């Protein structure tokens, strides 16, 4: 699984989740397959 890590944030810690959010606009155009959901 690919996770946004936020390495440019001052509070970056490799073993902790960064708390970043992703907003997807026009999601009807996104295609996923297999176990990626």
PDB file of N, CA and C in Angstrom:
ATOM      1  N   UNK A   1       0.828  -1.164   0.000  1.00  0.00           N
ATOM      2  CA  UNK A   1       0.000   0.000   0.000  1.00  0.00           C
ATOM      3  C   UNK A   1       0.886   1.246   0.000  1.00  0.00           C
ATOM      4  N   UNK A   2       0.542   2.200  -0.846  1.00  0.00           N
ATOM      5  CA  UNK A   2       1.288   3.448  -0.924  1.00  0.00           C
ATOM      6  C   UNK A   2       0.636   4.465   0.002  1.00  0.00           C
ATOM      7  N   UNK A   3       1.445   5.081   0.834  1.00  0.00           N
ATOM      8  CA  UNK A   3       0.953   6.066   1.797  1.00  0.00           C
ATOM      9  C   UNK A   3       1.711   7.373   1.573  1.00  0.00           C
ATOM     10  N   UNK A   4       0.996   8.498   1.616  1.00  0.00           N
ATOM     11  CA  UNK A   4       1.677   9.787   1.603  1.00  0.00           C
ATOM     12  C   UNK A   4       2.369   9.956   2.942  1.00  0.00           C
ATOM     13  N   UNK A   5       3.678  10.155   2.907  1.00  0.00           N
ATOM     14  CA  UNK A   5       4.428  10.174   4.156  1.00  0.00           C
ATOM     15  C   UNK A   5       4.678  11.570   4.702  1.00  0.00           C
ATOM     16  N   UNK A   6       4.625  12.593   3.890  1.00  0.00           N
ATOM     17  CA  UNK A   6       4.847  13.951   4.385  1.00  0.00           C
ATOM     18  C   UNK A   6       6.273  14.207   4.824  1.00  0.00           C
ATOM     19  N   UNK A   7       7.267  13.745   4.048  1.00  0.00           N
ATOM     20  CA  UNK A   7       8.667  13.902   4.440  1.00  0.00           C
ATOM     21  C   UNK A   7       9.103  15.364   4.502  1.00  0.00           C
ATOM     22  N   UNK A   8       8.336  16.272   3.904  1.00  0.00           N
ATOM     23  CA  UNK A   8       8.702  17.688   3.943  1.00  0.00           C
ATOM     24  C   UNK A   8       8.139  18.394   5.168  1.00  0.00           C
ATOM     25  N   UNK A   9       7.347  17.691   5.963  1.00  0.00           N
ATOM     26  CA  UNK A   9       6.757  18.294   7.163  1.00  0.00           C
ATOM     27  C   UNK A   9       7.771  18.261   8.307  1.00  0.00           C
ATOM     28  N   UNK A  10       7.813  19.308   9.136  1.00  0.00           N
ATOM     29  CA  UNK A  10       8.773  19.335  10.240  1.00  0.00           C
ATOM     30  C   UNK A  10       8.547  18.238  11.278  1.00  0.00           C
ATOM     31  N   UNK A  11       7.327  17.756  11.438  1.00  0.00           N
ATOM     32  CA  UNK A  11       7.043  16.729  12.440  1.00  0.00           C
ATOM     33  C   UNK A  11       7.056  15.324  11.841  1.00  0.00           C
ATOM     34  N   UNK A  12       7.777  15.111  10.721  1.00  0.00           N
ATOM     35  CA  UNK A  12       7.847  13.796  10.071  1.00  0.00           C
ATOM     36  C   UNK A  12       8.507  12.768  10.981  1.00  0.00           C
ATOM     37  N   UNK A  13       7.844  11.630  11.138  1.00  0.00           N
ATOM     38  CA  UNK A  13       8.377  10.482  11.858  1.00  0.00           C
ATOM     39  C   UNK A  13       8.088   9.252  11.010  1.00  0.00           C
ATOM     40  N   UNK A  14       9.111   8.485  10.605  1.00  0.00           N
ATOM     41  CA  UNK A  14       8.900   7.372   9.670  1.00  0.00           C
ATOM     42  C   UNK A  14       7.919   6.308  10.157  1.00  0.00           C
ATOM     43  N   UNK A  15       7.830   6.079  11.459  1.00  0.00           N
ATOM     44  CA  UNK A  15       6.987   4.998  11.969  1.00  0.00           C
ATOM     45  C   UNK A  15       5.569   5.446  12.310  1.00  0.00           C
ATOM     46  N   UNK A  16       5.246   6.731  12.128  1.00  0.00           N
ATOM     47  CA  UNK A  16       3.919   7.237  12.485  1.00  0.00           C
ATOM     48  C   UNK A  16       3.215   7.789  11.253  1.00  0.00           C
ATOM     49  N   UNK A  17       1.887   7.713  11.249  1.00  0.00           N
ATOM     50  CA  UNK A  17       1.115   8.297  10.163  1.00  0.00           C
ATOM     51  C   UNK A  17       1.186   9.815  10.251  1.00  0.00           C
ATOM     52  N   UNK A  18       1.268  10.458   9.087  1.00  0.00           N
ATOM     53  CA  UNK A  18       1.458  11.904   9.066  1.00  0.00           C
ATOM     54  C   UNK A  18       0.206  12.723   9.228  1.00  0.00           C
ATOM     55  N   UNK A  19      -0.959  12.144   9.017  1.00  0.00           N
ATOM     56  CA  UNK A  19      -2.190  12.891   9.154  1.00  0.00           C
ATOM     57  C   UNK A  19      -2.545  13.724   7.944  1.00  0.00           C
ATOM     58  N   UNK A  20      -1.925  13.456   6.797  1.00  0.00           N
ATOM     59  CA  UNK A  20      -2.243  14.187   5.580  1.00  0.00           C
ATOM     60  C   UNK A  20      -3.524  13.655   4.966  1.00  0.00           C
ATOM     61  N   UNK A  21      -4.219  14.515   4.237  1.00  0.00           N
ATOM     62  CA  UNK A  21      -5.464  14.150   3.580  1.00  0.00           C
ATOM     63  C   UNK A  21      -5.316  14.300   2.079  1.00  0.00           C
ATOM     64  N   UNK A  22      -6.020  13.465   1.339  1.00  0.00           N
ATOM     65  CA  UNK A  22      -6.060  13.553  -0.117  1.00  0.00           C
ATOM     66  C   UNK A  22      -7.502  13.790  -0.519  1.00  0.00           C
ATOM     67  N   UNK A  23      -7.733  14.819  -1.321  1.00  0.00           N
ATOM     68  CA  UNK A  23      -9.066  15.121  -1.830  1.00  0.00           C
ATOM     69  C   UNK A  23      -9.074  14.784  -3.310  1.00  0.00           C
ATOM     70  N   UNK A  24      -9.977  13.911  -3.714  1.00  0.00           N
ATOM     71  CA  UNK A  24     -10.073  13.493  -5.112  1.00  0.00           C
ATOM     72  C   UNK A  24     -11.264  14.190  -5.741  1.00  0.00           C
ATOM     73  N   UNK A  25     -10.996  14.932  -6.811  1.00  0.00           N
ATOM     74  CA  UNK A  25     -12.042  15.618  -7.561  1.00  0.00           C
ATOM     75  C   UNK A  25     -12.208  14.880  -8.881  1.00  0.00           C
ATOM     76  N   UNK A  26     -13.423  14.767  -9.378  1.00  0.00           N
ATOM     77  CA  UNK A  26     -13.732  14.017 -10.598  1.00  0.00           C
ATOM     78  C   UNK A  26     -13.394  12.537 -10.416  1.00  0.00           C
ATOM     79  N   UNK A  27     -13.847  11.961  -9.321  1.00  0.00           N
ATOM     80  CA  UNK A  27     -13.498  10.580  -8.998  1.00  0.00           C
ATOM     81  C   UNK A  27     -14.093   9.566  -9.963  1.00  0.00           C
ATOM     82  N   UNK A  28     -15.024   9.966 -10.808  1.00  0.00           N
ATOM     83  CA  UNK A  28     -15.581   9.014 -11.770  1.00  0.00           C
ATOM     84  C   UNK A  28     -14.540   8.615 -12.818  1.00  0.00           C
ATOM     85  N   UNK A  29     -13.430   9.357 -12.924  1.00  0.00           N
ATOM     86  CA  UNK A  29     -12.398   9.042 -13.908  1.00  0.00           C
ATOM     87  C   UNK A  29     -11.288   8.165 -13.341  1.00  0.00           C
ATOM     88  N   UNK A  30     -11.322   7.847 -12.052  1.00  0.00           N
ATOM     89  CA  UNK A  30     -10.291   7.016 -11.431  1.00  0.00           C
ATOM     90  C   UNK A  30     -10.627   5.552 -11.650  1.00  0.00           C
ATOM     91  N   UNK A  31      -9.623   4.777 -12.043  1.00  0.00           N
ATOM     92  CA  UNK A  31      -9.819   3.344 -12.250  1.00  0.00           C
ATOM     93  C   UNK A  31      -8.883   2.596 -11.311  1.00  0.00           C
ATOM     94  N   UNK A  32      -9.428   1.683 -10.541  1.00  0.00           N
ATOM     95  CA  UNK A  32      -8.628   0.823  -9.674  1.00  0.00           C
ATOM     96  C   UNK A  32      -8.972  -0.621  -9.985  1.00  0.00           C
ATOM     97  N   UNK A  33      -8.028  -1.493  -9.703  1.00  0.00           N
ATOM     98  CA  UNK A  33      -8.263  -2.910  -9.967  1.00  0.00           C
ATOM     99  C   UNK A  33      -7.670  -3.738  -8.835  1.00  0.00           C
ATOM    100  N   UNK A  34      -8.150  -4.927  -8.673  1.00  0.00           N
ATOM    101  CA  UNK A  34      -7.606  -5.842  -7.679  1.00  0.00           C
ATOM    102  C   UNK A  34      -7.829  -5.390  -6.249  1.00  0.00           C
ATOM    103  N   UNK A  35      -6.765  -5.466  -5.436  1.00  0.00           N
ATOM    104  CA  UNK A  35      -6.847  -5.173  -4.003  1.00  0.00           C
ATOM    105  C   UNK A  35      -6.497  -3.730  -3.670  1.00  0.00           C
ATOM    106  N   UNK A  36      -6.591  -2.820  -4.622  1.00  0.00           N
ATOM    107  CA  UNK A  36      -6.157  -1.448  -4.394  1.00  0.00           C
ATOM    108  C   UNK A  36      -7.198  -0.586  -3.709  1.00  0.00           C
ATOM    109  N   UNK A  37      -8.369  -1.104  -3.447  1.00  0.00           N
ATOM    110  CA  UNK A  37      -9.412  -0.307  -2.803  1.00  0.00           C
ATOM    111  C   UNK A  37      -9.303  -0.436  -1.306  1.00  0.00           C
TER     112      UNK A  37
END
